[in-house]
């Protein structure tokens, strides 16, 4: 669905629908938990930057003036609220039912396996009958064909079909599957047992990896590569790393996907790093604007306004986006351009607080899971803007509160009565 011209994915809609419930918990707990205080301050900084950013453009020469739009301002706040509310959702689940958080993680993994099956089915139906069973409804035929087929021309495999399953976009689908893979591996390690049985876990990994490969998106592979580096640093994970590599080798060795993946990474990733330091089209435009107008590093231009002031700084290969709404894909650049250095500093503090929560919840069965995914996705956020960072922070907060809620360190008046009422 769309809201004031902005497309809202399903997860954003669900997050926003839950705000009336999560907000009640926030009011009860924010004064007692440091992470929630930082969350409130970050939200207020974002609101302030949205008001002051357009005003700053009127004072500076050679900068495209941003006329304040209440419509854009509200739409960006709604988008921000959808992201930040993900921190509260796991907390609410854990307070309502002790085992609900683990069950929700398992449901997400199972859902990704189901979507992976649909993605594989989508690929084989298209290659055999030429029919896309899951078209993208918000794109016309020519644009959809460009996204689904011709986006791979630079890799030398023009016409290779990119699966989307029900996610509506190959790159997003790739990241969702990557998160499912990481969740499955880390949940196994944290619980000390298989999630779907030994054979079931291997089958789930293969299905998600195969479907992710069929998206032909570098994003998922970059995330998986970073995760491999991440777990390789810990010698205790040697068995987990060996299992993962084995599951990766099987689909790449016995299919043509190995050649496609190698060509894709060479052209779309390594050549990009060599030519632009790894920055993508909108990242380059944002970086160029901030380097020419460093004064905006302090205030930002307000979320949702960078496409106005930095349109002329887009590289030549990104001119197709000129005149449309776009934003940086790197989380660090996105926040810096929207809320300035103070907003970025608060976000880093929020990440640090989430890690502290996970560290202090050692007795919870998901503490290891919470710490690992929070550390990984907070680091990954600086490479790519993703909602999983805020979800990971929420899981870290949930295991912390769930562990400490009976201890004297968290003295909340009538805690048991409050939880019973909410149930």
Protein backbone atom coordinates (compact mmCIF):
# COMPACT_ATOMS: atom_id res chain seq x y z
CA UNK A 1 0.00 0.00 0.00
CA UNK A 2 1.04 3.63 -0.39
CA UNK A 3 0.99 6.45 2.15
CA UNK A 4 1.37 10.02 0.88
CA UNK A 5 3.12 8.70 -2.20
CA UNK A 6 5.49 6.37 -0.29
CA UNK A 7 5.23 2.62 -0.71
CA UNK A 8 4.74 0.75 2.56
CA UNK A 9 5.88 -2.87 2.64
CA UNK A 10 3.81 -5.42 4.53
CA UNK A 11 6.16 -5.44 7.53
CA UNK A 12 5.78 -1.66 7.86
CA UNK A 13 2.00 -1.92 7.80
CA UNK A 14 2.05 -4.61 10.49
CA UNK A 15 4.51 -2.61 12.57
CA UNK A 16 2.32 0.49 12.39
CA UNK A 17 -0.82 -1.47 13.25
CA UNK A 18 0.85 -2.68 16.45
CA UNK A 19 1.79 0.84 17.62
CA UNK A 20 -1.30 1.29 19.86
CA UNK A 21 -0.21 -1.80 21.83
CA UNK A 22 3.54 -1.19 21.90
CA UNK A 23 3.11 2.48 22.80
CA UNK A 24 1.40 1.53 26.05
CA UNK A 25 4.38 -0.62 27.02
CA UNK A 26 6.75 2.17 26.00
CA UNK A 27 5.04 4.67 28.31
CA UNK A 28 5.34 2.24 31.21
CA UNK A 29 8.97 1.32 30.67
CA UNK A 30 10.88 4.12 28.96
CA UNK A 31 11.84 5.94 32.16
CA UNK A 32 13.37 2.72 33.56
CA UNK A 33 15.35 1.48 30.56
CA UNK A 34 18.22 3.45 29.05
CA UNK A 35 17.74 2.05 25.54
CA UNK A 36 14.17 3.31 25.41
CA UNK A 37 15.30 6.76 26.54
CA UNK A 38 17.78 6.84 23.65
CA UNK A 39 15.00 5.67 21.33
CA UNK A 40 12.82 8.62 22.33
CA UNK A 41 15.68 11.12 21.96
CA UNK A 42 16.57 9.75 18.51
CA UNK A 43 12.96 10.08 17.40
CA UNK A 44 12.86 13.70 18.62
CA UNK A 45 16.14 14.48 16.82
CA UNK A 46 14.64 13.07 13.63
CA UNK A 47 11.58 15.29 14.07
CA UNK A 48 13.78 18.32 14.70
CA UNK A 49 15.94 17.67 11.63
CA UNK A 50 12.81 17.35 9.51
CA UNK A 51 11.83 20.86 10.62
CA UNK A 52 15.22 22.59 10.55
CA UNK A 53 16.63 20.93 7.41
CA UNK A 54 14.37 22.69 4.89
CA UNK A 55 14.98 26.02 6.67
CA UNK A 56 18.75 25.57 6.32
CA UNK A 57 18.50 25.21 2.54
CA UNK A 58 17.04 28.70 2.30
CA UNK A 59 20.06 30.23 4.03
CA UNK A 60 22.79 28.66 1.93
CA UNK A 61 23.70 29.60 -1.65
CA UNK A 62 23.97 27.04 -4.45
CA UNK A 63 21.65 24.64 -2.67
CA UNK A 64 18.27 23.66 -4.05
CA UNK A 65 15.65 25.10 -1.71
CA UNK A 66 13.47 22.54 0.04
CA UNK A 67 9.99 23.91 0.48
CA UNK A 68 8.66 22.43 3.70
CA UNK A 69 5.94 19.93 2.95
CA UNK A 70 3.74 18.72 5.78
CA UNK A 71 2.83 15.73 3.62
CA UNK A 72 6.46 14.66 3.20
CA UNK A 73 7.20 15.38 6.87
CA UNK A 74 4.35 13.16 8.11
CA UNK A 75 5.12 10.37 5.63
CA UNK A 76 8.75 10.25 6.76
CA UNK A 77 7.75 10.18 10.41
CA UNK A 78 5.44 7.26 9.65
CA UNK A 79 8.31 5.46 7.92
CA UNK A 80 10.61 6.16 10.88
CA UNK A 81 7.98 5.01 13.35
CA UNK A 82 7.60 1.72 11.48
CA UNK A 83 11.35 1.09 11.84
CA UNK A 84 11.68 2.15 15.48
CA UNK A 85 8.58 0.24 16.57
CA UNK A 86 10.37 -2.98 15.63
CA UNK A 87 12.44 -2.49 18.78
CA UNK A 88 9.29 -2.71 20.90
CA UNK A 89 7.58 -5.67 19.22
CA UNK A 90 9.86 -8.45 20.59
CA UNK A 91 9.60 -6.88 24.05
CA UNK A 92 5.81 -7.01 23.97
CA UNK A 93 5.88 -10.64 22.78
CA UNK A 94 8.24 -11.73 25.55
CA UNK A 95 6.17 -10.02 28.24
CA UNK A 96 2.89 -11.47 27.07
CA UNK A 97 4.18 -15.05 26.88
CA UNK A 98 7.50 -16.46 28.05
CA UNK A 99 8.17 -18.62 24.98
CA UNK A 100 6.61 -16.32 22.39
CA UNK A 101 9.89 -14.77 21.24
CA UNK A 102 11.51 -18.09 20.37
CA UNK A 103 8.33 -19.25 18.67
CA UNK A 104 8.18 -16.05 16.60
CA UNK A 105 11.76 -16.57 15.41
CA UNK A 106 10.97 -20.16 14.39
CA UNK A 107 7.85 -18.97 12.56
CA UNK A 108 9.92 -16.40 10.66
CA UNK A 109 12.44 -19.04 9.59
CA UNK A 110 9.67 -21.41 8.52
CA UNK A 111 8.01 -18.59 6.57
CA UNK A 112 11.28 -17.89 4.74
CA UNK A 113 11.59 -21.57 3.85
CA UNK A 114 8.05 -21.47 2.44
CA UNK A 115 8.79 -18.31 0.45
CA UNK A 116 12.02 -19.90 -0.79
CA UNK A 117 10.00 -22.85 -2.12
CA UNK A 118 7.65 -20.45 -3.89
CA UNK A 119 10.64 -18.58 -5.34
CA UNK A 120 12.12 -21.80 -6.73
CA UNK A 121 8.71 -22.71 -8.16
CA UNK A 122 8.46 -19.22 -9.70
CA UNK A 123 11.83 -19.71 -11.41
CA UNK A 124 11.04 -23.11 -12.91
CA UNK A 125 7.57 -22.07 -14.09
CA UNK A 126 9.05 -19.05 -15.85
CA UNK A 127 11.94 -20.96 -17.45
CA UNK A 128 9.64 -23.74 -18.66
CA UNK A 129 6.46 -21.82 -19.58
CA UNK A 130 7.53 -18.16 -19.71
CA UNK A 131 4.95 -17.17 -17.10
CA UNK A 132 5.77 -15.11 -14.02
CA UNK A 133 3.39 -16.39 -11.37
CA UNK A 134 4.29 -13.58 -8.94
CA UNK A 135 4.37 -10.32 -10.93
CA UNK A 136 5.15 -7.02 -9.22
CA UNK A 137 1.78 -5.22 -9.09
CA UNK A 138 3.10 -1.66 -8.67
CA UNK A 139 5.26 -1.81 -11.83
CA UNK A 140 4.17 -1.64 -15.44
CA UNK A 141 5.24 -4.30 -17.91
CA UNK A 142 8.39 -2.63 -19.27
CA UNK A 143 9.75 -1.61 -15.87
CA UNK A 144 8.97 -5.03 -14.40
CA UNK A 145 10.76 -6.70 -17.30
CA UNK A 146 13.79 -4.49 -16.68
CA UNK A 147 13.90 -5.42 -12.99
CA UNK A 148 13.18 -9.11 -13.44
CA UNK A 149 15.27 -9.82 -16.54
CA UNK A 150 17.58 -7.16 -17.94
CA UNK A 151 19.13 -6.01 -14.67
CA UNK A 152 21.67 -8.79 -15.19
CA UNK A 153 22.95 -7.62 -18.59
CA UNK A 154 26.17 -6.25 -17.10
CA UNK A 155 27.01 -9.71 -15.78
CA UNK A 156 26.93 -11.29 -19.18
CA UNK A 157 23.86 -13.41 -18.45
CA UNK A 158 21.16 -11.16 -19.87
CA UNK A 159 17.67 -12.52 -19.51
CA UNK A 160 18.28 -14.56 -16.37
CA UNK A 161 15.07 -14.48 -14.41
CA UNK A 162 15.27 -12.98 -10.90
CA UNK A 163 12.84 -14.54 -8.44
CA UNK A 164 10.83 -12.40 -6.02
CA UNK A 165 8.43 -14.95 -4.51
CA UNK A 166 5.81 -12.88 -2.62
CA UNK A 167 8.22 -10.13 -1.55
CA UNK A 168 7.71 -8.05 -4.75
CA UNK A 169 11.44 -7.18 -5.12
CA UNK A 170 14.49 -9.42 -5.72
CA UNK A 171 16.96 -7.49 -3.55
CA UNK A 172 14.64 -7.33 -0.53
CA UNK A 173 13.79 -11.01 -0.93
CA UNK A 174 17.50 -11.82 -0.94
CA UNK A 175 18.03 -9.99 2.35
CA UNK A 176 14.97 -11.63 3.95
CA UNK A 177 16.34 -15.06 3.05
CA UNK A 178 19.77 -14.11 4.33
CA UNK A 179 18.23 -13.13 7.67
CA UNK A 180 16.38 -16.46 7.75
CA UNK A 181 19.65 -18.33 7.21
CA UNK A 182 21.44 -16.40 9.95
CA UNK A 183 18.51 -16.79 12.35
CA UNK A 184 18.43 -20.55 11.78
CA UNK A 185 22.17 -21.03 12.35
CA UNK A 186 22.30 -18.78 15.40
CA UNK A 187 19.15 -20.24 16.95
CA UNK A 188 20.67 -23.71 16.66
CA UNK A 189 23.81 -22.53 18.40
CA UNK A 190 21.98 -20.63 21.14
CA UNK A 191 19.56 -23.47 21.96
CA UNK A 192 22.17 -26.21 21.56
CA UNK A 193 19.82 -28.27 19.41
CA UNK A 194 18.33 -28.42 15.94
CA UNK A 195 15.30 -26.29 15.07
CA UNK A 196 13.51 -28.55 12.56
CA UNK A 197 15.59 -31.69 13.16
CA UNK A 198 19.08 -32.30 11.75
CA UNK A 199 17.87 -33.19 8.26
CA UNK A 200 15.20 -30.49 8.34
CA UNK A 201 17.73 -27.78 9.18
CA UNK A 202 20.01 -28.80 6.29
CA UNK A 203 17.08 -28.91 3.85
CA UNK A 204 15.89 -25.48 5.06
CA UNK A 205 19.37 -24.02 4.56
CA UNK A 206 19.67 -25.43 1.04
CA UNK A 207 16.24 -24.15 0.00
CA UNK A 208 16.90 -20.63 1.32
CA UNK A 209 20.38 -20.48 -0.22
CA UNK A 210 19.14 -21.75 -3.59
CA UNK A 211 16.29 -19.26 -3.70
CA UNK A 212 18.63 -16.46 -2.61
CA UNK A 213 21.00 -17.34 -5.44
CA UNK A 214 18.09 -17.17 -7.91
CA UNK A 215 17.45 -13.53 -6.93
CA UNK A 216 20.84 -12.69 -8.52
CA UNK A 217 21.23 -9.95 -5.94
CA UNK A 218 24.65 -9.00 -4.58
CA UNK A 219 23.11 -7.77 -1.33
CA UNK A 220 22.33 -11.22 0.02
CA UNK A 221 25.72 -12.59 -0.96
CA UNK A 222 27.54 -9.65 0.63
CA UNK A 223 25.59 -10.22 3.84
CA UNK A 224 26.36 -13.95 3.80
CA UNK A 225 30.04 -13.26 3.09
CA UNK A 226 30.23 -10.82 6.00
CA UNK A 227 28.49 -13.37 8.22
CA UNK A 228 31.00 -16.05 7.22
CA UNK A 229 33.83 -13.71 8.17
CA UNK A 230 31.97 -12.91 11.38
CA UNK A 231 31.61 -16.52 12.54
CA UNK A 232 35.08 -17.51 11.30
CA UNK A 233 36.59 -15.19 13.92
CA UNK A 234 35.29 -17.50 16.65
CA UNK A 235 37.12 -20.88 16.72
CA UNK A 236 34.24 -22.43 18.68
CA UNK A 237 32.08 -22.10 15.58
CA UNK A 238 34.25 -24.34 13.40
CA UNK A 239 31.55 -27.02 13.13
CA UNK A 240 28.87 -24.45 12.28
CA UNK A 241 31.12 -22.86 9.65
CA UNK A 242 31.90 -26.27 8.13
CA UNK A 243 28.21 -27.18 7.93
CA UNK A 244 27.36 -23.85 6.33
CA UNK A 245 30.14 -24.11 3.71
CA UNK A 246 29.03 -27.66 2.88
CA UNK A 247 25.45 -26.53 2.33
CA UNK A 248 26.67 -23.65 0.14
CA UNK A 249 28.95 -25.84 -1.98
CA UNK A 250 26.25 -28.37 -2.89
CA UNK A 251 23.89 -26.08 -4.88
CA UNK A 252 26.75 -24.08 -6.41
CA UNK A 253 28.73 -27.13 -7.54
CA UNK A 254 25.98 -29.18 -9.15
CA UNK A 255 24.20 -26.32 -10.93
CA UNK A 256 25.15 -23.37 -13.14
CA UNK A 257 24.58 -21.06 -10.22
CA UNK A 258 28.27 -21.20 -9.35
CA UNK A 259 29.25 -19.55 -12.63
CA UNK A 260 26.44 -16.99 -12.38
CA UNK A 261 27.35 -16.08 -8.80
CA UNK A 262 31.05 -15.72 -9.68
CA UNK A 263 30.29 -13.46 -12.66
CA UNK A 264 27.78 -11.42 -10.68
CA UNK A 265 30.16 -10.80 -7.80
CA UNK A 266 32.97 -9.92 -10.19
CA UNK A 267 30.99 -7.36 -12.18
CA UNK A 268 28.46 -6.02 -9.71
CA UNK A 269 30.55 -6.04 -6.53
CA UNK A 270 34.31 -6.10 -7.14
CA UNK A 271 34.18 -3.72 -10.12
CA UNK A 272 31.98 -1.40 -8.06
CA UNK A 273 34.48 -1.42 -5.21
CA UNK A 274 37.31 -0.66 -7.62
CA UNK A 275 35.49 2.22 -9.35
CA UNK A 276 33.55 3.83 -6.47
CA UNK A 277 34.83 2.32 -3.25
CA UNK A 278 31.76 0.10 -2.98
CA UNK A 279 29.27 2.97 -2.87
CA UNK A 280 26.10 2.53 -4.91
CA UNK A 281 24.36 5.12 -7.07
CA UNK A 282 22.38 6.95 -4.38
CA UNK A 283 25.20 6.63 -1.87
CA UNK A 284 27.52 8.42 -4.29
CA UNK A 285 25.00 11.23 -4.82
CA UNK A 286 24.56 11.68 -1.07
CA UNK A 287 28.29 11.56 -0.38
CA UNK A 288 29.06 14.11 -3.09
CA UNK A 289 26.43 16.50 -1.77
CA UNK A 290 27.70 16.29 1.82
CA UNK A 291 31.31 16.74 0.69
CA UNK A 292 30.35 19.95 -1.18
CA UNK A 293 28.09 21.19 1.64
CA UNK A 294 29.62 19.94 4.92
CA UNK A 295 27.44 22.29 6.95
CA UNK A 296 24.59 19.83 6.49
CA UNK A 297 26.61 17.18 8.33
CA UNK A 298 25.54 18.93 11.53
CA UNK A 299 21.85 19.41 10.82
CA UNK A 300 20.97 17.08 7.96
CA UNK A 301 18.35 18.07 5.42
CA UNK A 302 15.55 16.08 7.04
CA UNK A 303 14.55 12.55 6.16
CA UNK A 304 12.91 12.41 2.75
CA UNK A 305 14.56 15.57 1.36
CA UNK A 306 17.96 14.39 0.10
CA UNK A 307 16.62 13.68 -3.39
CA UNK A 308 15.75 17.38 -3.75
CA UNK A 309 19.06 18.93 -2.74
CA UNK A 310 21.38 16.23 -4.11
CA UNK A 311 19.67 15.36 -7.40
CA UNK A 312 22.37 17.12 -9.44
CA UNK A 313 25.09 15.14 -7.64
CA UNK A 314 23.88 11.75 -8.86
CA UNK A 315 26.50 9.92 -10.97
CA UNK A 316 25.86 9.53 -14.68
CA UNK A 317 24.76 5.90 -14.38
CA UNK A 318 22.06 6.91 -11.86
CA UNK A 319 20.45 9.71 -13.86
CA UNK A 320 17.46 7.48 -14.43
CA UNK A 321 16.43 8.33 -10.85
CA UNK A 322 16.70 12.10 -11.34
CA UNK A 323 13.48 13.84 -10.35
CA UNK A 324 12.23 10.88 -8.32
CA UNK A 325 12.37 10.14 -4.60
CA UNK A 326 15.58 8.39 -3.63
CA UNK A 327 17.81 8.10 -0.58
CA UNK A 328 21.17 6.63 0.39
CA UNK A 329 21.26 2.87 0.77
CA UNK A 330 24.03 2.86 3.38
CA UNK A 331 22.56 3.31 6.84
CA UNK A 332 25.32 5.67 7.99
CA UNK A 333 24.89 8.01 5.00
CA UNK A 334 21.09 7.82 5.22
CA UNK A 335 21.05 8.96 8.86
CA UNK A 336 23.83 11.52 8.36
CA UNK A 337 21.97 13.14 5.46
CA UNK A 338 18.63 13.03 7.25
CA UNK A 339 19.41 13.82 10.89
CA UNK A 340 23.03 15.01 10.86
CA UNK A 341 25.95 13.94 13.02
CA UNK A 342 23.91 14.17 16.23
CA UNK A 343 21.32 11.77 14.87
CA UNK A 344 24.08 9.37 13.77
CA UNK A 345 25.75 9.60 17.19
CA UNK A 346 22.46 8.78 18.94
CA UNK A 347 21.88 5.84 16.63
CA UNK A 348 25.33 4.45 17.46
CA UNK A 349 24.53 4.92 21.16
CA UNK A 350 21.27 3.02 20.58
CA UNK A 351 23.21 0.17 18.99
CA UNK A 352 25.68 0.11 21.88
CA UNK A 353 22.85 0.03 24.40
CA UNK A 354 21.25 -2.92 22.59
CA UNK A 355 24.50 -4.88 22.74
CA UNK A 356 24.78 -4.11 26.45
CA UNK A 357 21.27 -5.51 26.96
CA UNK A 358 22.22 -8.76 25.23
CA UNK A 359 25.43 -9.09 27.26
CA UNK A 360 23.59 -8.61 30.56
CA UNK A 361 20.97 -11.28 29.77
CA UNK A 362 23.30 -14.27 30.00
CA UNK A 363 20.74 -16.49 31.73
CA UNK A 364 18.20 -16.31 28.90
CA UNK A 365 18.21 -19.18 26.39
CA UNK A 366 18.30 -16.66 23.54
CA UNK A 367 21.02 -14.42 24.98
CA UNK A 368 23.72 -15.77 22.63
CA UNK A 369 21.33 -15.50 19.69
CA UNK A 370 20.41 -11.92 20.65
CA UNK A 371 24.01 -10.81 21.07
CA UNK A 372 25.24 -12.31 17.80
CA UNK A 373 22.47 -11.01 15.54
CA UNK A 374 22.50 -7.60 17.24
CA UNK A 375 26.25 -7.25 16.74
CA UNK A 376 26.08 -8.49 13.16
CA UNK A 377 23.10 -6.43 12.00
CA UNK A 378 24.25 -3.23 13.74
CA UNK A 379 27.57 -3.51 11.90
CA UNK A 380 25.74 -4.42 8.69
CA UNK A 381 23.51 -1.36 9.04
CA UNK A 382 26.45 0.88 8.18
CA UNK A 383 26.79 -1.05 4.92
CA UNK A 384 23.09 -1.30 4.14
CA UNK A 385 19.97 0.30 5.59
CA UNK A 386 17.87 -2.57 6.93
CA UNK A 387 14.96 -3.11 9.27
CA UNK A 388 16.61 -6.22 10.74
CA UNK A 389 18.95 -4.01 12.76
CA UNK A 390 16.04 -2.58 14.75
CA UNK A 391 14.43 -6.01 15.07
CA UNK A 392 17.71 -7.37 16.47
CA UNK A 393 17.86 -4.50 18.96
CA UNK A 394 14.33 -5.38 20.01
CA UNK A 395 15.28 -9.01 20.60
CA UNK A 396 18.26 -7.92 22.71
CA UNK A 397 16.00 -5.63 24.75
CA UNK A 398 13.38 -8.37 25.14
CA UNK A 399 15.79 -10.99 26.51
CA UNK A 400 17.24 -8.38 28.88
CA UNK A 401 13.89 -7.28 30.29
CA UNK A 402 12.60 -10.84 30.42
CA UNK A 403 15.67 -11.92 32.40
CA UNK A 404 15.71 -8.95 34.76
CA UNK A 405 12.00 -8.31 35.29
CA UNK A 406 11.97 -10.20 38.57
CA UNK A 407 15.26 -8.74 39.80
CA UNK A 408 15.75 -5.63 41.86
CA UNK A 409 17.66 -3.92 39.04
CA UNK A 410 14.37 -3.16 37.31
CA UNK A 411 11.94 -1.76 39.83
CA UNK A 412 8.74 -1.08 37.97
CA UNK A 413 5.67 -0.38 40.13
CA UNK A 414 3.04 -3.14 39.97
CA UNK A 415 5.01 -5.03 37.28
CA UNK A 416 3.11 -8.31 37.71
CA UNK A 417 -0.22 -6.55 37.72
CA UNK A 418 0.73 -4.60 34.61
CA UNK A 419 1.70 -7.73 32.70
CA UNK A 420 -1.50 -9.49 33.78
CA UNK A 421 -3.61 -6.56 32.65
CA UNK A 422 -1.91 -6.51 29.24
CA UNK A 423 -2.50 -10.23 28.86
